Amino acid sequence: MAYRPRRGVLRGFQQAWRARPVSGTMPQLYSGHTIPNREPRPSMDVSAYTTLVQSLGFGKKLPQATYILAPDERDLPKELADVVVRLRADLGLGSDFNVLKFSHDGGVSFLRYPDFRERPHPPELAESVRASLVTGKVSRLRYGSDGNPPILHRKELLVAPGDSDAAAWERLTEQEESAGLYDQPEVIGFKSVWESLLKGKGLSYRGHDLIEAETGQSVEPECVPDPIPERRTALFRTGLSKPIRLALDAGLLRAGMSVFDYGCGRGSDVEFLRDLGYAAIGWDPAFFPEQAKTRADLVNLGYVLNVIESPRERLDVLREAWGCACESLVVATLVP
């Protein structure tokens, strides 16, 4: 659904875009819109903008974007703070748009999560307003009309160091991990799935405390020195994921082929495929961010798109995965 900002905002972005010639092939970003009859504000290219975002010492960092709880502007680099302040004013957005999303393609989104601090977990996305600093296009989306909005996990990652609520939120995340609520991260991006998972495990919330619904006792976080090998072993015993099994059954994955698992999680498919003799590599923003994305005969994009809230970002990831595929791209998603 298109969103009409206050008069002159969109036109101002477009004027700023046309105001100067762009040298080379790098698209240009402007740190604010151009008010009619004024000079365009200073510009920075996409690389500079991305560098600023990546320099943040906090935030929930995903492959295509970084999310933060709207901070005091002093917690941001000055250039980035200027972007946020000017956009918020130009678009007429109040403090209820309390989460910022910095997309690596030059987009800045203001997300509205009602009662972010007060609600235990997870906050529900009610509305988003996105402005492209490259094109000037502004769009607005509302969520939850079907009663099943996208939800946000691991709140503590979004706040600046020293936040008074971070410790309580981090403990809640540890409780949820201990209860196995994050065992399948590809399925927990929507409210209905999360509530079903809680009900199935007999769990509930009391403030920012995860409790057993029947007894009211708190779930105690487990101290596991290195949970990754244990999790890999458990997933190894269950075998390959369904998308990879179907690829084998359909003859898309054959002996001697290479495999790139885009969004591989803890890497169970990669390990299993290597044991079967395939040249398999996996990349994941949380577990294997240092692994380069590479071309392969078959690329697996399994249960990745359904955890990305932005349709534009889903398309970007799909295109990137397609670009890595020499022969076949396997895409699997879950619909709540």
C-alpha atoms as a PDB file:
ATOM      1  CA  MET A   1       0.000   0.000   0.000  1.00  0.00           C
ATOM      2  CA  ALA A   2       1.460   3.328  -0.998  1.00  0.00           C
ATOM      3  CA  TYR A   3       1.916   5.932   1.722  1.00  0.00           C
ATOM      4  CA  ARG A   4       1.612   9.646   1.060  1.00  0.00           C
ATOM      5  CA  PRO A   5       3.951  11.645   3.306  1.00  0.00           C
ATOM      6  CA  ARG A   6       3.549  15.323   4.055  1.00  0.00           C
ATOM      7  CA  ARG A   7       3.625  17.608   1.044  1.00  0.00           C
ATOM      8  CA  GLY A   8       7.060  18.024  -0.459  1.00  0.00           C
ATOM      9  CA  VAL A   9       8.799  15.119   1.280  1.00  0.00           C
ATOM     10  CA  LEU A  10       8.794  12.657  -1.596  1.00  0.00           C
ATOM     11  CA  ARG A  11       9.386  15.422  -4.148  1.00  0.00           C
ATOM     12  CA  GLY A  12      12.258  16.677  -2.012  1.00  0.00           C
ATOM     13  CA  PHE A  13      13.951  13.275  -2.042  1.00  0.00           C
ATOM     14  CA  GLN A  14      13.572  13.051  -5.793  1.00  0.00           C
ATOM     15  CA  GLN A  15      14.959  16.557  -6.269  1.00  0.00           C
ATOM     16  CA  ALA A  16      17.925  15.671  -4.105  1.00  0.00           C
ATOM     17  CA  TRP A  17      18.477  12.580  -6.218  1.00  0.00           C
ATOM     18  CA  ARG A  18      18.500  14.624  -9.421  1.00  0.00           C
ATOM     19  CA  ALA A  19      20.374  17.615  -8.004  1.00  0.00           C
ATOM     20  CA  ARG A  20      23.868  16.333  -8.710  1.00  0.00           C
ATOM     21  CA  PRO A  21      25.346  14.027 -11.331  1.00  0.00           C
ATOM     22  CA  VAL A  22      26.290  10.594 -10.045  1.00  0.00           C
ATOM     23  CA  SER A  23      29.822   9.587 -10.920  1.00  0.00           C
ATOM     24  CA  GLY A  24      30.705   5.981 -11.686  1.00  0.00           C
ATOM     25  CA  THR A  25      28.257   3.189 -10.908  1.00  0.00           C
ATOM     26  CA  MET A  26      27.802   3.756  -7.160  1.00  0.00           C
ATOM     27  CA  PRO A  27      24.297   5.018  -6.330  1.00  0.00           C
ATOM     28  CA  GLN A  28      24.187   8.097  -4.149  1.00  0.00           C
ATOM     29  CA  LEU A  29      22.371   8.573  -0.845  1.00  0.00           C
ATOM     30  CA  TYR A  30      21.348  11.918   0.584  1.00  0.00           C
ATOM     31  CA  SER A  31      21.210  12.401   4.320  1.00  0.00           C
ATOM     32  CA  GLY A  32      18.031  14.453   4.135  1.00  0.00           C
ATOM     33  CA  HIS A  33      15.429  15.642   1.661  1.00  0.00           C
ATOM     34  CA  THR A  34      15.831  18.889  -0.244  1.00  0.00           C
ATOM     35  CA  ILE A  35      13.473  21.629   0.884  1.00  0.00           C
ATOM     36  CA  PRO A  36      12.318  23.628  -2.155  1.00  0.00           C
ATOM     37  CA  ASN A  37      14.589  26.565  -3.014  1.00  0.00           C
ATOM     38  CA  ARG A  38      17.425  25.218  -0.872  1.00  0.00           C
ATOM     39  CA  GLU A  39      20.640  23.477  -1.758  1.00  0.00           C
ATOM     40  CA  PRO A  40      20.693  19.686  -1.457  1.00  0.00           C
ATOM     41  CA  ARG A  41      22.201  18.344   1.733  1.00  0.00           C
ATOM     42  CA  PRO A  42      25.556  16.478   1.734  1.00  0.00           C
ATOM     43  CA  SER A  43      25.524  13.042   0.140  1.00  0.00           C
ATOM     44  CA  MET A  44      27.140   9.703   0.891  1.00  0.00           C
ATOM     45  CA  ASP A  45      27.307   6.582  -1.210  1.00  0.00           C
ATOM     46  CA  VAL A  46      25.786   3.224  -0.354  1.00  0.00           C
ATOM     47  CA  SER A  47      29.102   1.869   0.858  1.00  0.00           C
ATOM     48  CA  ALA A  48      29.551   4.768   3.305  1.00  0.00           C
ATOM     49  CA  TYR A  49      25.990   4.373   4.595  1.00  0.00           C
ATOM     50  CA  THR A  50      26.450   0.615   5.086  1.00  0.00           C
ATOM     51  CA  THR A  51      29.751   1.208   6.853  1.00  0.00           C
ATOM     52  CA  LEU A  52      28.043   3.568   9.301  1.00  0.00           C
ATOM     53  CA  VAL A  53      25.334   1.010  10.031  1.00  0.00           C
ATOM     54  CA  GLN A  54      27.835  -1.794  10.498  1.00  0.00           C
ATOM     55  CA  SER A  55      29.908   0.365  12.838  1.00  0.00           C
ATOM     56  CA  LEU A  56      27.106   0.378  15.404  1.00  0.00           C
ATOM     57  CA  GLY A  57      28.170  -1.342  18.600  1.00  0.00           C
ATOM     58  CA  PHE A  58      24.700  -2.730  19.153  1.00  0.00           C
ATOM     59  CA  GLY A  59      21.689  -3.846  17.156  1.00  0.00           C
ATOM     60  CA  LYS A  60      20.136  -7.022  15.837  1.00  0.00           C
ATOM     61  CA  LYS A  61      22.212  -7.629  12.722  1.00  0.00           C
ATOM     62  CA  LEU A  62      20.639  -9.661   9.912  1.00  0.00           C
ATOM     63  CA  PRO A  63      21.960 -10.313   6.391  1.00  0.00           C
ATOM     64  CA  GLN A  64      20.134  -7.380   4.785  1.00  0.00           C
ATOM     65  CA  ALA A  65      19.552  -4.973   7.672  1.00  0.00           C
ATOM     66  CA  THR A  66      20.251  -3.929  11.253  1.00  0.00           C
ATOM     67  CA  TYR A  67      17.461  -3.313  13.800  1.00  0.00           C
ATOM     68  CA  ILE A  68      17.788  -1.070  16.850  1.00  0.00           C
ATOM     69  CA  LEU A  69      15.410   0.297  19.444  1.00  0.00           C
ATOM     70  CA  ALA A  70      15.164   3.996  18.608  1.00  0.00           C
ATOM     71  CA  PRO A  71      17.957   5.442  20.735  1.00  0.00           C
ATOM     72  CA  ASP A  72      19.062   8.805  21.933  1.00  0.00           C
ATOM     73  CA  GLU A  73      20.630  10.317  18.822  1.00  0.00           C
ATOM     74  CA  ARG A  74      23.920  10.542  20.738  1.00  0.00           C
ATOM     75  CA  ASP A  75      24.179   6.747  20.485  1.00  0.00           C
ATOM     76  CA  LEU A  76      24.389   6.975  16.683  1.00  0.00           C
ATOM     77  CA  PRO A  77      27.108   8.316  14.390  1.00  0.00           C
ATOM     78  CA  LYS A  78      26.247  11.939  13.639  1.00  0.00           C
ATOM     79  CA  GLU A  79      25.545  11.338   9.944  1.00  0.00           C
ATOM     80  CA  LEU A  80      23.164   8.498  10.778  1.00  0.00           C
ATOM     81  CA  ALA A  81      21.496  10.488  13.550  1.00  0.00           C
ATOM     82  CA  ASP A  82      20.879  13.333  11.084  1.00  0.00           C
ATOM     83  CA  VAL A  83      19.130  10.940   8.716  1.00  0.00           C
ATOM     84  CA  VAL A  84      16.855   9.629  11.469  1.00  0.00           C
ATOM     85  CA  VAL A  85      15.953  13.052  12.897  1.00  0.00           C
ATOM     86  CA  ARG A  86      15.151  14.603   9.511  1.00  0.00           C
ATOM     87  CA  LEU A  87      13.171  11.641   8.228  1.00  0.00           C
ATOM     88  CA  ARG A  88      11.117  11.346  11.389  1.00  0.00           C
ATOM     89  CA  ALA A  89      10.237  15.055  11.196  1.00  0.00           C
ATOM     90  CA  ASP A  90       9.527  15.048   7.462  1.00  0.00           C
ATOM     91  CA  LEU A  91       7.315  11.966   7.645  1.00  0.00           C
ATOM     92  CA  GLY A  92       5.495  13.200  10.726  1.00  0.00           C
ATOM     93  CA  LEU A  93       6.273  10.092  12.771  1.00  0.00           C
ATOM     94  CA  GLY A  94       6.040  10.138  16.547  1.00  0.00           C
ATOM     95  CA  SER A  95       7.994   8.274  19.177  1.00  0.00           C
ATOM     96  CA  ASP A  96       5.585   5.327  18.908  1.00  0.00           C
ATOM     97  CA  PHE A  97       7.578   4.312  15.825  1.00  0.00           C
ATOM     98  CA  ASN A  98      10.144   2.985  18.216  1.00  0.00           C
ATOM     99  CA  VAL A  99      12.333   0.568  16.248  1.00  0.00           C
ATOM    100  CA  LEU A 100      14.672   1.615  13.448  1.00  0.00           C
ATOM    101  CA  LYS A 101      15.655  -0.660  10.622  1.00  0.00           C
ATOM    102  CA  PHE A 102      18.670   0.291   8.529  1.00  0.00           C
ATOM    103  CA  SER A 103      18.625  -1.690   5.278  1.00  0.00           C
ATOM    104  CA  HIS A 104      21.867  -2.140   3.428  1.00  0.00           C
ATOM    105  CA  ASP A 105      20.245  -1.022   0.175  1.00  0.00           C
ATOM    106  CA  GLY A 106      19.810   2.529   1.502  1.00  0.00           C
ATOM    107  CA  GLY A 107      16.399   2.162   3.080  1.00  0.00           C
ATOM    108  CA  VAL A 108      15.456   3.445   6.522  1.00  0.00           C
ATOM    109  CA  SER A 109      12.332   2.006   8.156  1.00  0.00           C
ATOM    110  CA  PHE A 110      10.460   3.225  11.211  1.00  0.00           C
ATOM    111  CA  LEU A 111       8.651   0.326  12.876  1.00  0.00           C
ATOM    112  CA  ARG A 112       5.867   0.606  15.416  1.00  0.00           C
ATOM    113  CA  TYR A 113       5.918  -2.017  18.154  1.00  0.00           C
ATOM    114  CA  PRO A 114       3.276  -1.074  20.765  1.00  0.00           C
ATOM    115  CA  ASP A 115       4.405  -1.536  24.380  1.00  0.00           C
ATOM    116  CA  PHE A 116       7.865  -2.682  23.344  1.00  0.00           C
ATOM    117  CA  ARG A 117       9.353  -2.278  26.803  1.00  0.00           C
ATOM    118  CA  GLU A 118       6.307  -3.325  28.793  1.00  0.00           C
ATOM    119  CA  ARG A 119       5.338  -6.519  26.994  1.00  0.00           C
ATOM    120  CA  PRO A 120       7.432  -9.516  27.977  1.00  0.00           C
ATOM    121  CA  HIS A 121       7.998 -11.143  24.646  1.00  0.00           C
ATOM    122  CA  PRO A 122       7.741 -11.024  21.770  1.00  0.00           C
ATOM    123  CA  PRO A 123       6.574  -7.591  20.577  1.00  0.00           C
ATOM    124  CA  GLU A 124       4.166  -7.537  17.648  1.00  0.00           C
ATOM    125  CA  LEU A 125       4.819  -5.369  14.623  1.00  0.00           C
ATOM    126  CA  ALA A 126       1.849  -3.058  14.024  1.00  0.00           C
ATOM    127  CA  GLU A 127       3.081  -0.719  11.309  1.00  0.00           C
ATOM    128  CA  SER A 128       6.144   0.197   9.257  1.00  0.00           C
ATOM    129  CA  VAL A 129       7.115   3.250   7.226  1.00  0.00           C
ATOM    130  CA  ARG A 130      10.040   2.861   4.864  1.00  0.00           C
ATOM    131  CA  ALA A 131      11.899   5.618   3.027  1.00  0.00           C
ATOM    132  CA  SER A 132      14.500   4.955   0.366  1.00  0.00           C
ATOM    133  CA  LEU A 133      17.306   7.469   0.530  1.00  0.00           C
ATOM    134  CA  VAL A 134      18.211   6.522  -3.032  1.00  0.00           C
ATOM    135  CA  THR A 135      14.914   6.981  -4.864  1.00  0.00           C
ATOM    136  CA  GLY A 136      12.834   8.963  -2.406  1.00  0.00           C
ATOM    137  CA  LYS A 137      10.055   6.385  -2.448  1.00  0.00           C
ATOM    138  CA  VAL A 138       8.087   6.135   0.796  1.00  0.00           C
ATOM    139  CA  SER A 139       5.806   3.211   1.625  1.00  0.00           C
ATOM    140  CA  ARG A 140       3.645   2.294   4.594  1.00  0.00           C
ATOM    141  CA  LEU A 141       2.457  -1.137   5.703  1.00  0.00           C
ATOM    142  CA  ARG A 142       0.116  -2.144   8.504  1.00  0.00           C
ATOM    143  CA  TYR A 143       0.167  -5.608  10.044  1.00  0.00           C
ATOM    144  CA  GLY A 144      -2.040  -7.783  12.178  1.00  0.00           C
ATOM    145  CA  SER A 145      -5.401  -7.466  10.441  1.00  0.00           C
ATOM    146  CA  ASP A 146      -5.454 -11.263  10.310  1.00  0.00           C
ATOM    147  CA  GLY A 147      -4.522 -11.538  13.992  1.00  0.00           C
ATOM    148  CA  ASN A 148      -1.148 -13.026  13.106  1.00  0.00           C
ATOM    149  CA  PRO A 149       1.454 -10.231  12.852  1.00  0.00           C
ATOM    150  CA  PRO A 150       5.230 -10.691  12.592  1.00  0.00           C
ATOM    151  CA  ILE A 151       6.899 -10.820  15.991  1.00  0.00           C
ATOM    152  CA  LEU A 152      10.323  -9.853  17.281  1.00  0.00           C
ATOM    153  CA  HIS A 153      12.690 -11.998  19.348  1.00  0.00           C
ATOM    154  CA  ARG A 154      15.808 -11.271  21.410  1.00  0.00           C
ATOM    155  CA  LYS A 155      14.899  -7.711  22.413  1.00  0.00           C
ATOM    156  CA  GLU A 156      18.182  -7.224  24.270  1.00  0.00           C
ATOM    157  CA  LEU A 157      20.092  -7.122  20.985  1.00  0.00           C
ATOM    158  CA  LEU A 158      18.305  -3.943  19.901  1.00  0.00           C
ATOM    159  CA  VAL A 159      19.344  -1.670  22.748  1.00  0.00           C
ATOM    160  CA  ALA A 160      22.451   0.414  23.354  1.00  0.00           C
ATOM    161  CA  PRO A 161      24.934  -0.730  26.021  1.00  0.00           C
ATOM    162  CA  GLY A 162      23.850   0.174  29.519  1.00  0.00           C
ATOM    163  CA  ASP A 163      20.113  -0.015  28.874  1.00  0.00           C
ATOM    164  CA  SER A 164      18.319  -0.578  32.169  1.00  0.00           C
ATOM    165  CA  ASP A 165      16.085  -3.356  30.786  1.00  0.00           C
ATOM    166  CA  ALA A 166      18.731  -5.306  28.866  1.00  0.00           C
ATOM    167  CA  ALA A 167      19.642  -7.717  31.679  1.00  0.00           C
ATOM    168  CA  ALA A 168      16.025  -8.797  32.245  1.00  0.00           C
ATOM    169  CA  TRP A 169      15.466  -9.255  28.525  1.00  0.00           C
ATOM    170  CA  GLU A 170      18.666 -11.263  28.141  1.00  0.00           C
ATOM    171  CA  ARG A 171      17.646 -13.577  30.976  1.00  0.00           C
ATOM    172  CA  LEU A 172      14.267 -14.089  29.315  1.00  0.00           C
ATOM    173  CA  THR A 173      15.996 -15.069  26.081  1.00  0.00           C
ATOM    174  CA  GLU A 174      18.136 -17.566  28.019  1.00  0.00           C
ATOM    175  CA  GLN A 175      14.981 -19.039  29.563  1.00  0.00           C
ATOM    176  CA  GLU A 176      13.405 -19.404  26.133  1.00  0.00           C
ATOM    177  CA  GLU A 177      16.514 -21.056  24.749  1.00  0.00           C
ATOM    178  CA  SER A 178      16.571 -23.506  27.667  1.00  0.00           C
ATOM    179  CA  ALA A 179      12.906 -24.333  27.031  1.00  0.00           C
ATOM    180  CA  GLY A 180      13.665 -25.172  23.400  1.00  0.00           C
ATOM    181  CA  LEU A 181      11.588 -22.322  21.974  1.00  0.00           C
ATOM    182  CA  TYR A 182      14.373 -21.396  19.537  1.00  0.00           C
ATOM    183  CA  ASP A 183      15.083 -24.924  18.336  1.00  0.00           C
ATOM    184  CA  GLN A 184      13.409 -24.160  14.997  1.00  0.00           C
ATOM    185  CA  PRO A 185      14.092 -20.461  14.317  1.00  0.00           C
ATOM    186  CA  GLU A 186      12.667 -20.729  10.822  1.00  0.00           C
ATOM    187  CA  VAL A 187       9.107 -21.196  12.128  1.00  0.00           C
ATOM    188  CA  ILE A 188       8.804 -18.682  14.980  1.00  0.00           C
ATOM    189  CA  GLY A 189       8.480 -15.409  13.089  1.00  0.00           C
ATOM    190  CA  PHE A 190       4.708 -15.053  13.522  1.00  0.00           C
ATOM    191  CA  LYS A 191       2.442 -14.709  16.540  1.00  0.00           C
ATOM    192  CA  SER A 192       0.254 -17.786  15.980  1.00  0.00           C
ATOM    193  CA  VAL A 193       3.177 -20.184  15.700  1.00  0.00           C
ATOM    194  CA  TRP A 194       4.822 -18.758  18.815  1.00  0.00           C
ATOM    195  CA  GLU A 195       1.632 -19.000  20.870  1.00  0.00           C
ATOM    196  CA  SER A 196       1.076 -22.576  19.718  1.00  0.00           C
ATOM    197  CA  LEU A 197       4.636 -23.431  20.696  1.00  0.00           C
ATOM    198  CA  LEU A 198       4.172 -21.943  24.171  1.00  0.00           C
ATOM    199  CA  LYS A 199       0.895 -23.798  24.658  1.00  0.00           C
ATOM    200  CA  GLY A 200       2.390 -27.069  23.485  1.00  0.00           C
ATOM    201  CA  LYS A 201       5.214 -26.772  26.006  1.00  0.00           C
ATOM    202  CA  GLY A 202       2.897 -25.641  28.818  1.00  0.00           C
ATOM    203  CA  LEU A 203       4.584 -22.268  29.206  1.00  0.00           C
ATOM    204  CA  SER A 204       3.434 -18.726  29.854  1.00  0.00           C
ATOM    205  CA  TYR A 205       4.768 -15.323  30.950  1.00  0.00           C
ATOM    206  CA  ARG A 206       4.689 -13.426  34.200  1.00  0.00           C
ATOM    207  CA  GLY A 207       6.143 -10.047  33.444  1.00  0.00           C
ATOM    208  CA  HIS A 208       9.525 -10.681  31.829  1.00  0.00           C
ATOM    209  CA  ASP A 209       9.733 -14.160  33.307  1.00  0.00           C
ATOM    210  CA  LEU A 210       9.033 -17.419  31.468  1.00  0.00           C
ATOM    211  CA  ILE A 211       7.023 -19.729  33.703  1.00  0.00           C
ATOM    212  CA  GLU A 212       5.377 -23.136  33.713  1.00  0.00           C
ATOM    213  CA  ALA A 213       1.706 -22.406  33.152  1.00  0.00           C
ATOM    214  CA  GLU A 214       0.493 -25.103  35.549  1.00  0.00           C
ATOM    215  CA  THR A 215       2.828 -24.521  38.511  1.00  0.00           C
ATOM    216  CA  GLY A 216       3.811 -20.874  38.037  1.00  0.00           C
ATOM    217  CA  GLN A 217       7.459 -21.788  38.548  1.00  0.00           C
ATOM    218  CA  SER A 218      10.124 -19.919  36.608  1.00  0.00           C
ATOM    219  CA  VAL A 219      11.995 -21.745  33.871  1.00  0.00           C
ATOM    220  CA  GLU A 220      15.640 -21.768  34.933  1.00  0.00           C
ATOM    221  CA  PRO A 221      18.198 -20.934  32.241  1.00  0.00           C
ATOM    222  CA  GLU A 222      20.639 -23.751  31.645  1.00  0.00           C
ATOM    223  CA  CYS A 223      24.362 -23.033  31.617  1.00  0.00           C
ATOM    224  CA  VAL A 224      25.699 -24.882  28.594  1.00  0.00           C
ATOM    225  CA  PRO A 225      29.356 -24.024  27.797  1.00  0.00           C
ATOM    226  CA  ASP A 226      29.082 -24.702  24.067  1.00  0.00           C
ATOM    227  CA  PRO A 227      25.558 -25.445  22.847  1.00  0.00           C
ATOM    228  CA  ILE A 228      26.440 -25.585  19.164  1.00  0.00           C
ATOM    229  CA  PRO A 229      28.106 -29.043  19.001  1.00  0.00           C
ATOM    230  CA  GLU A 230      25.269 -30.570  21.054  1.00  0.00           C
ATOM    231  CA  ARG A 231      22.655 -29.056  18.769  1.00  0.00           C
ATOM    232  CA  ARG A 232      24.520 -30.205  15.681  1.00  0.00           C
ATOM    233  CA  THR A 233      24.644 -33.743  17.020  1.00  0.00           C
ATOM    234  CA  ALA A 234      20.923 -33.745  17.753  1.00  0.00           C
ATOM    235  CA  LEU A 235      20.055 -32.501  14.275  1.00  0.00           C
ATOM    236  CA  PHE A 236      22.522 -34.923  12.681  1.00  0.00           C
ATOM    237  CA  ARG A 237      20.672 -37.848  14.227  1.00  0.00           C
ATOM    238  CA  THR A 238      17.406 -36.706  12.643  1.00  0.00           C
ATOM    239  CA  GLY A 239      18.947 -36.642   9.168  1.00  0.00           C
ATOM    240  CA  LEU A 240      18.745 -34.114   6.375  1.00  0.00           C
ATOM    241  CA  SER A 241      16.149 -31.377   6.235  1.00  0.00           C
ATOM    242  CA  LYS A 242      13.080 -31.962   4.107  1.00  0.00           C
ATOM    243  CA  PRO A 243      14.129 -29.567   1.282  1.00  0.00           C
ATOM    244  CA  ILE A 244      17.441 -31.391   0.835  1.00  0.00           C
ATOM    245  CA  ARG A 245      15.763 -34.804   1.011  1.00  0.00           C
ATOM    246  CA  LEU A 246      13.289 -33.745  -1.681  1.00  0.00           C
ATOM    247  CA  ALA A 247      16.138 -32.431  -3.836  1.00  0.00           C
ATOM    248  CA  LEU A 248      17.824 -35.824  -3.584  1.00  0.00           C
ATOM    249  CA  ASP A 249      14.591 -37.672  -4.356  1.00  0.00           C
ATOM    250  CA  ALA A 250      13.914 -35.469  -7.404  1.00  0.00           C
ATOM    251  CA  GLY A 251      17.412 -35.964  -8.777  1.00  0.00           C
ATOM    252  CA  LEU A 252      18.308 -32.281  -8.410  1.00  0.00           C
ATOM    253  CA  LEU A 253      21.210 -33.210  -6.135  1.00  0.00           C
ATOM    254  CA  ARG A 254      23.468 -35.848  -7.623  1.00  0.00           C
ATOM    255  CA  ALA A 255      26.835 -37.371  -6.819  1.00  0.00           C
ATOM    256  CA  GLY A 256      29.737 -35.014  -7.361  1.00  0.00           C
ATOM    257  CA  MET A 257      27.669 -31.825  -7.130  1.00  0.00           C
ATOM    258  CA  SER A 258      28.531 -28.890  -4.895  1.00  0.00           C
ATOM    259  CA  VAL A 259      25.996 -27.403  -2.441  1.00  0.00           C
ATOM    260  CA  PHE A 260      25.712 -23.963  -0.855  1.00  0.00           C
ATOM    261  CA  ASP A 261      23.293 -23.756   2.087  1.00  0.00           C
ATOM    262  CA  TYR A 262      22.166 -20.109   2.262  1.00  0.00           C
ATOM    263  CA  GLY A 263      21.009 -19.517   5.841  1.00  0.00           C
ATOM    264  CA  CYS A 264      22.328 -22.849   7.111  1.00  0.00           C
ATOM    265  CA  GLY A 265      21.579 -22.279  10.802  1.00  0.00           C
ATOM    266  CA  ARG A 266      23.869 -24.423  12.916  1.00  0.00           C
ATOM    267  CA  GLY A 267      25.044 -26.315   9.840  1.00  0.00           C
ATOM    268  CA  SER A 268      23.486 -29.764  10.250  1.00  0.00           C
ATOM    269  CA  ASP A 269      22.670 -30.170   6.544  1.00  0.00           C
ATOM    270  CA  VAL A 270      26.196 -29.108   5.603  1.00  0.00           C
ATOM    271  CA  GLU A 271      27.768 -31.654   7.948  1.00  0.00           C
ATOM    272  CA  PHE A 272      25.483 -34.446   6.813  1.00  0.00           C
ATOM    273  CA  LEU A 273      26.102 -33.698   3.123  1.00  0.00           C
ATOM    274  CA  ARG A 274      29.856 -33.677   3.649  1.00  0.00           C
ATOM    275  CA  ASP A 275      29.614 -37.091   5.284  1.00  0.00           C
ATOM    276  CA  LEU A 276      27.791 -38.265   2.173  1.00  0.00           C
ATOM    277  CA  GLY A 277      30.654 -37.025   0.000  1.00  0.00           C
ATOM    278  CA  TYR A 278      29.242 -33.725  -1.288  1.00  0.00           C
ATOM    279  CA  ALA A 279      31.257 -30.517  -1.417  1.00  0.00           C
ATOM    280  CA  ALA A 280      28.980 -28.520   0.894  1.00  0.00           C
ATOM    281  CA  ILE A 281      29.404 -25.026   2.331  1.00  0.00           C
ATOM    282  CA  GLY A 282      26.995 -23.047   4.486  1.00  0.00           C
ATOM    283  CA  TRP A 283      26.549 -19.389   5.387  1.00  0.00           C
ATOM    284  CA  ASP A 284      24.428 -18.013   8.214  1.00  0.00           C
ATOM    285  CA  PRO A 285      24.377 -14.490   9.715  1.00  0.00           C
ATOM    286  CA  ALA A 286      24.236 -15.824  13.278  1.00  0.00           C
ATOM    287  CA  PHE A 287      26.411 -18.940  13.225  1.00  0.00           C
ATOM    288  CA  PHE A 288      28.694 -18.699  10.185  1.00  0.00           C
ATOM    289  CA  PRO A 289      28.878 -15.010   9.193  1.00  0.00           C
ATOM    290  CA  GLU A 290      32.556 -15.283   8.254  1.00  0.00           C
ATOM    291  CA  GLN A 291      31.870 -17.871   5.541  1.00  0.00           C
ATOM    292  CA  ALA A 292      31.754 -16.252   2.107  1.00  0.00           C
ATOM    293  CA  LYS A 293      28.648 -16.731   0.009  1.00  0.00           C
ATOM    294  CA  THR A 294      29.716 -18.809  -2.946  1.00  0.00           C
ATOM    295  CA  ARG A 295      28.420 -20.262  -6.184  1.00  0.00           C
ATOM    296  CA  ALA A 296      27.489 -23.938  -6.205  1.00  0.00           C
ATOM    297  CA  ASP A 297      25.667 -26.440  -8.374  1.00  0.00           C
ATOM    298  CA  LEU A 298      22.737 -26.452  -5.973  1.00  0.00           C
ATOM    299  CA  VAL A 299      21.779 -23.689  -3.541  1.00  0.00           C
ATOM    300  CA  ASN A 300      19.424 -24.420  -0.655  1.00  0.00           C
ATOM    301  CA  LEU A 301      17.314 -21.506   0.628  1.00  0.00           C
ATOM    302  CA  GLY A 302      15.451 -23.471   3.275  1.00  0.00           C
ATOM    303  CA  TYR A 303      13.048 -21.709   5.664  1.00  0.00           C
ATOM    304  CA  VAL A 304      14.815 -18.370   5.285  1.00  0.00           C
ATOM    305  CA  LEU A 305      12.303 -16.189   3.449  1.00  0.00           C
ATOM    306  CA  ASN A 306       9.555 -16.716   6.028  1.00  0.00           C
ATOM    307  CA  VAL A 307      11.618 -15.065   8.791  1.00  0.00           C
ATOM    308  CA  ILE A 308      12.223 -11.898   6.742  1.00  0.00           C
ATOM    309  CA  GLU A 309       9.392  -9.408   7.299  1.00  0.00           C
ATOM    310  CA  SER A 310      10.099  -7.060   4.371  1.00  0.00           C
ATOM    311  CA  PRO A 311       8.881  -8.202   0.927  1.00  0.00           C
ATOM    312  CA  ARG A 312      11.683  -6.174  -0.635  1.00  0.00           C
ATOM    313  CA  GLU A 313      14.320  -7.925   1.465  1.00  0.00           C
ATOM    314  CA  ARG A 314      12.826 -11.310   0.670  1.00  0.00           C
ATOM    315  CA  LEU A 315      13.207 -10.488  -3.014  1.00  0.00           C
ATOM    316  CA  ASP A 316      16.803  -9.314  -2.491  1.00  0.00           C
ATOM    317  CA  VAL A 317      17.726 -12.538  -0.689  1.00  0.00           C
ATOM    318  CA  LEU A 318      15.978 -14.640  -3.334  1.00  0.00           C
ATOM    319  CA  ARG A 319      17.883 -12.854  -6.090  1.00  0.00           C
ATOM    320  CA  GLU A 320      21.182 -13.253  -4.262  1.00  0.00           C
ATOM    321  CA  ALA A 321      20.583 -16.974  -3.737  1.00  0.00           C
ATOM    322  CA  TRP A 322      19.574 -17.356  -7.396  1.00  0.00           C
ATOM    323  CA  GLY A 323      22.814 -15.655  -8.406  1.00  0.00           C
ATOM    324  CA  CYS A 324      24.784 -18.272  -6.455  1.00  0.00           C
ATOM    325  CA  ALA A 325      23.066 -21.227  -8.158  1.00  0.00           C
ATOM    326  CA  CYS A 326      24.884 -22.758 -11.115  1.00  0.00           C
ATOM    327  CA  GLU A 327      22.203 -25.386 -11.785  1.00  0.00           C
ATOM    328  CA  SER A 328      19.392 -25.483  -9.202  1.00  0.00           C
ATOM    329  CA  LEU A 329      17.913 -23.325  -6.446  1.00  0.00           C
ATOM    330  CA  VAL A 330      15.775 -25.075  -3.831  1.00  0.00           C
ATOM    331  CA  VAL A 331      13.431 -22.732  -1.952  1.00  0.00           C
ATOM    332  CA  ALA A 332      11.340 -23.850   1.023  1.00  0.00           C
ATOM    333  CA  THR A 333       9.189 -21.693   3.273  1.00  0.00           C
ATOM    334  CA  LEU A 334       6.544 -22.048   5.933  1.00  0.00           C
ATOM    335  CA  VAL A 335       3.150 -20.364   5.818  1.00  0.00           C
ATOM    336  CA  PRO A 336       1.518 -19.956   9.236  1.00  0.00           C
END
